[in-house]
Amino acid sequence: MSDAKRFDAENAENLEDIEKQFAVKAVMQAQTYWNLLEKVKGSTLRLTRLDDEIYDHFIKDFPEYESAEAVAEINEDDMKSPKGKERWRKFMNTYEKTIHDFNFGTLLRTGSKDDYEEKTTIFVPRMQFLAIEIARNKHGLNDWICDKGA
């Protein structure tokens, strides 16, 4: 692709069609994850080949999320505060070359006891989703989704 035709994401306008495509992909990923949790207990599920590494790194950098209670309910304001953004950016950038779409927008349930609904879902980079959902799965917090279908 010539330099004249390269897409400059930093200076691009938010085109409505592009935003819709990102939203559709995020919703499809959320539906796929939910469908998987309905069939497989989260405590037995691996989201990536690096789940253990991601979890250990997550707890090292964010020790406040070590307990099941702490990771069960996520406070969006804490995550998106200036201090929170900086901490998360440092964590996420570690996976730039190892996790595909590490910073792609993804839907995350604020509470592990919630379905994906408008008031219980936030938009986060994929690495935040992975870190939190891997921790929730390790604590068995998503097992209820599979159990309710049984």
N, C-alpha and C. Protein backbone atom coordinates (compact mmCIF):
# COMPACT_ATOMS: atom_id res chain seq x y z
N MET A 1 0.86 -1.17 0.00
CA MET A 1 0.00 0.00 0.00
C MET A 1 0.90 1.23 0.00
N SER A 2 0.60 2.19 -0.83
CA SER A 2 1.42 3.39 -0.89
C SER A 2 1.20 4.25 0.34
N ASP A 3 2.16 5.11 0.65
CA ASP A 3 2.05 5.99 1.81
C ASP A 3 0.82 6.87 1.72
N ALA A 4 0.45 7.28 0.51
CA ALA A 4 -0.70 8.17 0.33
C ALA A 4 -2.01 7.47 0.70
N LYS A 5 -2.04 6.16 0.64
CA LYS A 5 -3.28 5.43 0.91
C LYS A 5 -3.31 4.79 2.29
N ARG A 6 -2.26 4.94 3.08
CA ARG A 6 -2.23 4.35 4.42
C ARG A 6 -3.25 5.02 5.31
N PHE A 7 -3.88 4.22 6.12
CA PHE A 7 -4.89 4.73 7.04
C PHE A 7 -4.20 5.19 8.32
N ASP A 8 -4.39 6.44 8.69
CA ASP A 8 -3.80 7.00 9.89
C ASP A 8 -4.85 7.04 10.99
N ALA A 9 -4.85 6.02 11.84
CA ALA A 9 -5.88 5.90 12.88
C ALA A 9 -5.84 7.06 13.86
N GLU A 10 -4.65 7.61 14.12
CA GLU A 10 -4.52 8.70 15.08
C GLU A 10 -5.23 9.97 14.61
N ASN A 11 -5.28 10.17 13.29
CA ASN A 11 -5.85 11.41 12.76
C ASN A 11 -7.14 11.19 11.97
N ALA A 12 -7.65 9.98 12.01
CA ALA A 12 -8.87 9.68 11.25
C ALA A 12 -10.11 10.22 11.97
N GLU A 13 -11.09 10.56 11.18
CA GLU A 13 -12.37 10.94 11.76
C GLU A 13 -13.08 9.67 12.20
N ASN A 14 -13.98 9.79 13.19
CA ASN A 14 -14.77 8.64 13.61
C ASN A 14 -15.89 8.46 12.60
N LEU A 15 -15.65 7.65 11.64
CA LEU A 15 -16.64 7.41 10.61
C LEU A 15 -17.71 6.47 11.16
N GLU A 16 -18.94 6.84 10.95
CA GLU A 16 -20.06 6.10 11.52
C GLU A 16 -20.06 4.62 11.12
N ASP A 17 -19.77 4.33 9.87
CA ASP A 17 -19.76 2.93 9.42
C ASP A 17 -18.66 2.12 10.09
N ILE A 18 -17.50 2.73 10.29
CA ILE A 18 -16.40 2.04 10.96
C ILE A 18 -16.78 1.77 12.41
N GLU A 19 -17.36 2.75 13.08
CA GLU A 19 -17.80 2.57 14.47
C GLU A 19 -18.81 1.44 14.57
N LYS A 20 -19.74 1.38 13.64
CA LYS A 20 -20.76 0.32 13.66
C LYS A 20 -20.11 -1.05 13.48
N GLN A 21 -19.10 -1.14 12.61
CA GLN A 21 -18.42 -2.42 12.40
C GLN A 21 -17.70 -2.87 13.67
N PHE A 22 -17.05 -1.94 14.36
CA PHE A 22 -16.39 -2.28 15.63
C PHE A 22 -17.42 -2.73 16.66
N ALA A 23 -18.55 -2.05 16.73
CA ALA A 23 -19.60 -2.40 17.69
C ALA A 23 -20.15 -3.79 17.39
N VAL A 24 -20.38 -4.07 16.12
CA VAL A 24 -20.90 -5.39 15.74
C VAL A 24 -19.91 -6.48 16.14
N LYS A 25 -18.62 -6.26 15.89
CA LYS A 25 -17.61 -7.26 16.25
C LYS A 25 -17.56 -7.46 17.76
N ALA A 26 -17.65 -6.37 18.53
CA ALA A 26 -17.62 -6.49 20.00
C ALA A 26 -18.83 -7.27 20.51
N VAL A 27 -20.00 -7.01 19.95
CA VAL A 27 -21.21 -7.75 20.36
C VAL A 27 -21.09 -9.21 19.97
N MET A 28 -20.57 -9.48 18.79
CA MET A 28 -20.41 -10.89 18.37
C MET A 28 -19.45 -11.63 19.29
N GLN A 29 -18.35 -10.97 19.70
CA GLN A 29 -17.41 -11.60 20.62
C GLN A 29 -18.07 -11.88 21.97
N ALA A 30 -18.87 -10.93 22.46
CA ALA A 30 -19.57 -11.13 23.74
C ALA A 30 -20.54 -12.30 23.64
N GLN A 31 -21.28 -12.38 22.54
CA GLN A 31 -22.23 -13.49 22.36
C GLN A 31 -21.50 -14.82 22.29
N THR A 32 -20.38 -14.85 21.59
CA THR A 32 -19.60 -16.08 21.47
C THR A 32 -19.09 -16.52 22.85
N TYR A 33 -18.58 -15.58 23.63
CA TYR A 33 -18.08 -15.90 24.96
C TYR A 33 -19.21 -16.41 25.85
N TRP A 34 -20.36 -15.75 25.81
CA TRP A 34 -21.50 -16.17 26.62
C TRP A 34 -21.95 -17.58 26.22
N ASN A 35 -22.04 -17.83 24.92
CA ASN A 35 -22.44 -19.15 24.44
C ASN A 35 -21.47 -20.22 24.91
N LEU A 36 -20.20 -19.90 24.94
CA LEU A 36 -19.19 -20.83 25.43
C LEU A 36 -19.38 -21.11 26.92
N LEU A 37 -19.62 -20.04 27.69
CA LEU A 37 -19.84 -20.20 29.13
C LEU A 37 -21.12 -20.98 29.44
N GLU A 38 -22.08 -20.96 28.55
CA GLU A 38 -23.30 -21.75 28.74
C GLU A 38 -23.03 -23.24 28.56
N LYS A 39 -21.97 -23.58 27.85
CA LYS A 39 -21.66 -24.98 27.56
C LYS A 39 -20.50 -25.55 28.38
N VAL A 40 -19.59 -24.67 28.81
CA VAL A 40 -18.39 -25.10 29.53
C VAL A 40 -18.24 -24.25 30.79
N LYS A 41 -18.00 -24.90 31.92
CA LYS A 41 -17.77 -24.13 33.16
C LYS A 41 -16.54 -23.25 32.98
N GLY A 42 -16.68 -22.00 33.35
CA GLY A 42 -15.57 -21.06 33.23
C GLY A 42 -14.31 -21.55 33.94
N SER A 43 -14.49 -22.25 35.06
CA SER A 43 -13.34 -22.73 35.84
C SER A 43 -12.51 -23.77 35.09
N THR A 44 -13.05 -24.32 34.00
CA THR A 44 -12.30 -25.29 33.20
C THR A 44 -11.88 -24.72 31.84
N LEU A 45 -12.21 -23.47 31.61
CA LEU A 45 -12.01 -22.85 30.30
C LEU A 45 -10.69 -22.08 30.23
N ARG A 46 -10.02 -22.19 29.11
CA ARG A 46 -8.83 -21.38 28.84
C ARG A 46 -9.18 -20.44 27.71
N LEU A 47 -8.98 -19.14 27.93
CA LEU A 47 -9.29 -18.15 26.91
C LEU A 47 -8.13 -17.92 25.95
N THR A 48 -6.90 -18.16 26.42
CA THR A 48 -5.70 -18.02 25.58
C THR A 48 -4.70 -19.10 26.01
N ARG A 49 -3.64 -19.22 25.24
CA ARG A 49 -2.57 -20.15 25.64
C ARG A 49 -1.74 -19.56 26.77
N LEU A 50 -1.96 -18.28 27.08
CA LEU A 50 -1.18 -17.58 28.11
C LEU A 50 -2.00 -17.27 29.36
N ASP A 51 -3.10 -17.96 29.59
CA ASP A 51 -3.97 -17.64 30.73
C ASP A 51 -3.23 -17.55 32.05
N ASP A 52 -2.39 -18.53 32.34
CA ASP A 52 -1.69 -18.53 33.63
C ASP A 52 -0.74 -17.35 33.75
N GLU A 53 -0.02 -17.06 32.67
CA GLU A 53 0.90 -15.92 32.66
C GLU A 53 0.13 -14.61 32.83
N ILE A 54 -0.97 -14.47 32.11
CA ILE A 54 -1.78 -13.25 32.19
C ILE A 54 -2.31 -13.09 33.62
N TYR A 55 -2.83 -14.17 34.20
CA TYR A 55 -3.37 -14.10 35.55
C TYR A 55 -2.29 -13.69 36.56
N ASP A 56 -1.14 -14.35 36.50
CA ASP A 56 -0.05 -14.03 37.44
C ASP A 56 0.39 -12.57 37.30
N HIS A 57 0.52 -12.10 36.07
CA HIS A 57 0.92 -10.72 35.81
C HIS A 57 -0.16 -9.76 36.31
N PHE A 58 -1.42 -10.09 36.06
CA PHE A 58 -2.56 -9.28 36.50
C PHE A 58 -2.54 -9.09 38.02
N ILE A 59 -2.38 -10.19 38.74
CA ILE A 59 -2.39 -10.13 40.21
C ILE A 59 -1.14 -9.42 40.74
N LYS A 60 0.00 -9.58 40.05
CA LYS A 60 1.22 -8.87 40.45
C LYS A 60 1.03 -7.36 40.29
N ASP A 61 0.48 -6.94 39.16
CA ASP A 61 0.31 -5.50 38.89
C ASP A 61 -0.93 -4.90 39.55
N PHE A 62 -1.93 -5.74 39.82
CA PHE A 62 -3.19 -5.29 40.42
C PHE A 62 -3.55 -6.20 41.60
N PRO A 63 -2.77 -6.17 42.67
CA PRO A 63 -3.01 -7.08 43.80
C PRO A 63 -4.39 -6.89 44.43
N GLU A 64 -4.98 -5.74 44.24
CA GLU A 64 -6.32 -5.49 44.79
C GLU A 64 -7.38 -6.40 44.17
N TYR A 65 -7.06 -7.08 43.05
CA TYR A 65 -8.01 -7.99 42.39
C TYR A 65 -7.74 -9.46 42.70
N GLU A 66 -6.92 -9.74 43.68
CA GLU A 66 -6.55 -11.13 43.96
C GLU A 66 -7.71 -11.98 44.46
N SER A 67 -8.61 -11.41 45.24
CA SER A 67 -9.70 -12.20 45.80
C SER A 67 -10.87 -12.31 44.81
N ALA A 68 -11.65 -13.36 44.99
CA ALA A 68 -12.84 -13.56 44.16
C ALA A 68 -13.80 -12.38 44.31
N GLU A 69 -13.95 -11.89 45.53
CA GLU A 69 -14.88 -10.78 45.79
C GLU A 69 -14.46 -9.52 45.02
N ALA A 70 -13.16 -9.28 44.95
CA ALA A 70 -12.67 -8.07 44.30
C ALA A 70 -12.87 -8.10 42.79
N VAL A 71 -12.68 -9.26 42.19
CA VAL A 71 -12.80 -9.36 40.74
C VAL A 71 -14.26 -9.60 40.31
N ALA A 72 -15.12 -9.94 41.26
CA ALA A 72 -16.53 -10.19 40.94
C ALA A 72 -17.23 -8.93 40.46
N GLU A 73 -16.91 -7.78 41.06
CA GLU A 73 -17.53 -6.50 40.71
C GLU A 73 -16.45 -5.52 40.30
N ILE A 74 -16.56 -5.00 39.10
CA ILE A 74 -15.56 -4.09 38.56
C ILE A 74 -16.09 -2.66 38.61
N ASN A 75 -15.25 -1.75 39.09
CA ASN A 75 -15.60 -0.34 39.14
C ASN A 75 -14.99 0.36 37.92
N GLU A 76 -15.85 0.74 37.00
CA GLU A 76 -15.39 1.37 35.76
C GLU A 76 -14.63 2.67 36.03
N ASP A 77 -15.09 3.44 37.02
CA ASP A 77 -14.43 4.72 37.32
C ASP A 77 -12.98 4.51 37.76
N ASP A 78 -12.72 3.45 38.55
CA ASP A 78 -11.35 3.16 38.97
C ASP A 78 -10.48 2.78 37.77
N MET A 79 -11.04 1.97 36.87
CA MET A 79 -10.28 1.52 35.71
C MET A 79 -9.95 2.67 34.78
N LYS A 80 -10.87 3.61 34.66
CA LYS A 80 -10.73 4.66 33.66
C LYS A 80 -10.26 6.00 34.23
N SER A 81 -9.89 6.00 35.51
CA SER A 81 -9.30 7.21 36.10
C SER A 81 -7.92 7.41 35.47
N PRO A 82 -7.34 8.60 35.56
CA PRO A 82 -5.99 8.80 35.00
C PRO A 82 -4.97 7.79 35.55
N LYS A 83 -4.99 7.55 36.85
CA LYS A 83 -4.07 6.58 37.44
C LYS A 83 -4.37 5.17 36.94
N GLY A 84 -5.66 4.82 36.89
CA GLY A 84 -6.06 3.50 36.42
C GLY A 84 -5.67 3.28 34.97
N LYS A 85 -5.90 4.28 34.13
CA LYS A 85 -5.54 4.16 32.71
C LYS A 85 -4.05 3.91 32.54
N GLU A 86 -3.24 4.62 33.31
CA GLU A 86 -1.79 4.46 33.20
C GLU A 86 -1.37 3.06 33.63
N ARG A 87 -1.92 2.59 34.74
CA ARG A 87 -1.59 1.23 35.21
C ARG A 87 -2.00 0.19 34.17
N TRP A 88 -3.21 0.31 33.64
CA TRP A 88 -3.70 -0.65 32.66
C TRP A 88 -2.91 -0.58 31.36
N ARG A 89 -2.56 0.62 30.92
CA ARG A 89 -1.80 0.77 29.67
C ARG A 89 -0.47 0.03 29.78
N LYS A 90 0.21 0.20 30.90
CA LYS A 90 1.49 -0.49 31.12
C LYS A 90 1.29 -2.01 31.08
N PHE A 91 0.26 -2.49 31.76
CA PHE A 91 -0.04 -3.92 31.77
C PHE A 91 -0.34 -4.43 30.36
N MET A 92 -1.25 -3.75 29.67
CA MET A 92 -1.71 -4.22 28.36
C MET A 92 -0.61 -4.20 27.31
N ASN A 93 0.23 -3.18 27.32
CA ASN A 93 1.27 -3.07 26.29
C ASN A 93 2.26 -4.22 26.32
N THR A 94 2.35 -4.91 27.43
CA THR A 94 3.21 -6.10 27.54
C THR A 94 2.78 -7.16 26.53
N TYR A 95 1.50 -7.17 26.17
CA TYR A 95 0.95 -8.23 25.32
C TYR A 95 0.75 -7.81 23.87
N GLU A 96 1.31 -6.67 23.51
CA GLU A 96 1.13 -6.14 22.15
C GLU A 96 1.54 -7.15 21.07
N LYS A 97 2.60 -7.89 21.30
CA LYS A 97 3.11 -8.81 20.29
C LYS A 97 2.67 -10.26 20.52
N THR A 98 1.99 -10.54 21.63
CA THR A 98 1.63 -11.93 21.93
C THR A 98 0.13 -12.22 21.92
N ILE A 99 -0.69 -11.20 22.11
CA ILE A 99 -2.15 -11.40 22.11
C ILE A 99 -2.75 -10.63 20.93
N HIS A 100 -3.35 -11.37 20.02
CA HIS A 100 -3.98 -10.77 18.84
C HIS A 100 -5.07 -9.79 19.28
N ASP A 101 -5.10 -8.62 18.68
CA ASP A 101 -6.11 -7.59 19.00
C ASP A 101 -6.12 -7.24 20.49
N PHE A 102 -4.93 -7.18 21.10
CA PHE A 102 -4.82 -6.96 22.55
C PHE A 102 -5.54 -5.69 23.02
N ASN A 103 -5.67 -4.70 22.15
CA ASN A 103 -6.31 -3.45 22.55
C ASN A 103 -7.62 -3.19 21.82
N PHE A 104 -8.17 -4.21 21.18
CA PHE A 104 -9.44 -4.06 20.47
C PHE A 104 -10.57 -3.89 21.49
N GLY A 105 -11.50 -3.02 21.20
CA GLY A 105 -12.63 -2.78 22.09
C GLY A 105 -13.47 -4.03 22.28
N THR A 106 -13.77 -4.34 23.53
CA THR A 106 -14.47 -5.57 23.91
C THR A 106 -15.47 -5.24 25.01
N LEU A 107 -16.56 -5.99 25.05
CA LEU A 107 -17.57 -5.79 26.08
C LEU A 107 -17.24 -6.63 27.31
N LEU A 108 -17.33 -6.00 28.48
CA LEU A 108 -17.07 -6.66 29.76
C LEU A 108 -18.25 -6.45 30.69
N ARG A 109 -18.71 -7.52 31.32
CA ARG A 109 -19.76 -7.39 32.34
C ARG A 109 -19.13 -6.78 33.59
N THR A 110 -19.78 -5.78 34.18
CA THR A 110 -19.22 -5.16 35.38
C THR A 110 -19.32 -6.10 36.58
N GLY A 111 -20.28 -6.98 36.57
CA GLY A 111 -20.44 -7.95 37.65
C GLY A 111 -20.45 -9.37 37.11
N SER A 112 -19.79 -10.27 37.81
CA SER A 112 -19.73 -11.66 37.34
C SER A 112 -21.07 -12.37 37.47
N LYS A 113 -22.01 -11.80 38.23
CA LYS A 113 -23.33 -12.42 38.39
C LYS A 113 -24.33 -11.89 37.38
N ASP A 114 -23.87 -11.01 36.49
CA ASP A 114 -24.75 -10.36 35.52
C ASP A 114 -24.66 -10.98 34.14
N ASP A 115 -25.77 -10.86 33.40
CA ASP A 115 -25.77 -11.16 31.98
C ASP A 115 -25.19 -9.93 31.27
N TYR A 116 -24.96 -10.07 29.97
CA TYR A 116 -24.58 -8.91 29.16
C TYR A 116 -25.85 -8.10 28.92
N GLU A 117 -25.95 -6.95 29.55
CA GLU A 117 -27.08 -6.04 29.37
C GLU A 117 -26.54 -4.62 29.35
N GLU A 118 -27.33 -3.70 28.88
CA GLU A 118 -26.88 -2.31 28.71
C GLU A 118 -26.32 -1.71 30.00
N LYS A 119 -26.99 -1.95 31.13
CA LYS A 119 -26.57 -1.32 32.39
C LYS A 119 -25.47 -2.09 33.11
N THR A 120 -25.14 -3.29 32.63
CA THR A 120 -24.15 -4.13 33.32
C THR A 120 -22.93 -4.42 32.45
N THR A 121 -22.76 -3.65 31.38
CA THR A 121 -21.69 -3.92 30.43
C THR A 121 -20.93 -2.63 30.13
N ILE A 122 -19.61 -2.74 30.09
CA ILE A 122 -18.77 -1.60 29.73
C ILE A 122 -17.87 -2.00 28.56
N PHE A 123 -17.33 -1.00 27.90
CA PHE A 123 -16.46 -1.19 26.75
C PHE A 123 -15.02 -1.02 27.22
N VAL A 124 -14.21 -2.05 27.04
CA VAL A 124 -12.81 -2.04 27.50
C VAL A 124 -11.90 -2.63 26.43
N PRO A 125 -10.60 -2.38 26.51
CA PRO A 125 -9.66 -3.07 25.62
C PRO A 125 -9.65 -4.57 25.93
N ARG A 126 -9.36 -5.37 24.94
CA ARG A 126 -9.41 -6.83 25.07
C ARG A 126 -8.55 -7.35 26.23
N MET A 127 -7.39 -6.76 26.49
CA MET A 127 -6.53 -7.25 27.57
C MET A 127 -7.18 -7.05 28.94
N GLN A 128 -7.95 -5.99 29.11
CA GLN A 128 -8.68 -5.82 30.38
C GLN A 128 -9.72 -6.93 30.50
N PHE A 129 -10.44 -7.18 29.42
CA PHE A 129 -11.43 -8.26 29.41
C PHE A 129 -10.75 -9.59 29.78
N LEU A 130 -9.65 -9.90 29.10
CA LEU A 130 -8.98 -11.17 29.34
C LEU A 130 -8.50 -11.29 30.79
N ALA A 131 -7.85 -10.26 31.30
CA ALA A 131 -7.33 -10.32 32.67
C ALA A 131 -8.46 -10.57 33.67
N ILE A 132 -9.54 -9.82 33.53
CA ILE A 132 -10.64 -9.92 34.49
C ILE A 132 -11.40 -11.24 34.33
N GLU A 133 -11.68 -11.63 33.09
CA GLU A 133 -12.43 -12.87 32.89
C GLU A 133 -11.60 -14.11 33.22
N ILE A 134 -10.30 -14.07 32.96
CA ILE A 134 -9.45 -15.20 33.36
C ILE A 134 -9.48 -15.32 34.88
N ALA A 135 -9.38 -14.21 35.59
CA ALA A 135 -9.44 -14.23 37.06
C ALA A 135 -10.80 -14.74 37.53
N ARG A 136 -11.87 -14.25 36.93
CA ARG A 136 -13.21 -14.72 37.31
C ARG A 136 -13.35 -16.22 37.08
N ASN A 137 -12.83 -16.70 35.97
CA ASN A 137 -12.92 -18.12 35.68
C ASN A 137 -12.09 -18.93 36.67
N LYS A 138 -10.91 -18.47 37.02
CA LYS A 138 -10.07 -19.19 37.98
C LYS A 138 -10.75 -19.29 39.34
N HIS A 139 -11.55 -18.28 39.70
CA HIS A 139 -12.28 -18.29 40.96
C HIS A 139 -13.64 -18.98 40.85
N GLY A 140 -13.98 -19.48 39.67
CA GLY A 140 -15.26 -20.18 39.49
C GLY A 140 -16.47 -19.24 39.44
N LEU A 141 -16.24 -17.94 39.24
CA LEU A 141 -17.33 -16.97 39.30
C LEU A 141 -18.28 -17.02 38.10
N ASN A 142 -17.84 -17.66 37.01
CA ASN A 142 -18.70 -17.77 35.84
C ASN A 142 -19.35 -19.15 35.70
N ASP A 143 -19.08 -20.04 36.63
CA ASP A 143 -19.63 -21.40 36.54
C ASP A 143 -21.15 -21.42 36.57
N TRP A 144 -21.77 -20.46 37.22
CA TRP A 144 -23.22 -20.40 37.33
C TRP A 144 -23.90 -20.33 35.96
N ILE A 145 -23.22 -19.78 34.99
CA ILE A 145 -23.80 -19.63 33.65
C ILE A 145 -24.03 -21.01 33.03
N CYS A 146 -23.06 -21.88 33.15
CA CYS A 146 -23.20 -23.25 32.65
C CYS A 146 -24.19 -24.04 33.51
N ASP A 147 -24.12 -23.84 34.82
CA ASP A 147 -24.99 -24.57 35.75
C ASP A 147 -26.47 -24.25 35.53
N LYS A 148 -26.78 -23.00 35.18
CA LYS A 148 -28.19 -22.62 35.02
C LYS A 148 -28.80 -23.27 33.79
N GLY A 149 -27.95 -23.65 32.81
CA GLY A 149 -28.45 -24.31 31.61
C GLY A 149 -28.59 -25.82 31.78
N ALA A 150 -28.02 -26.34 32.85
CA ALA A 150 -28.04 -27.81 33.07
C ALA A 150 -29.38 -28.29 33.59
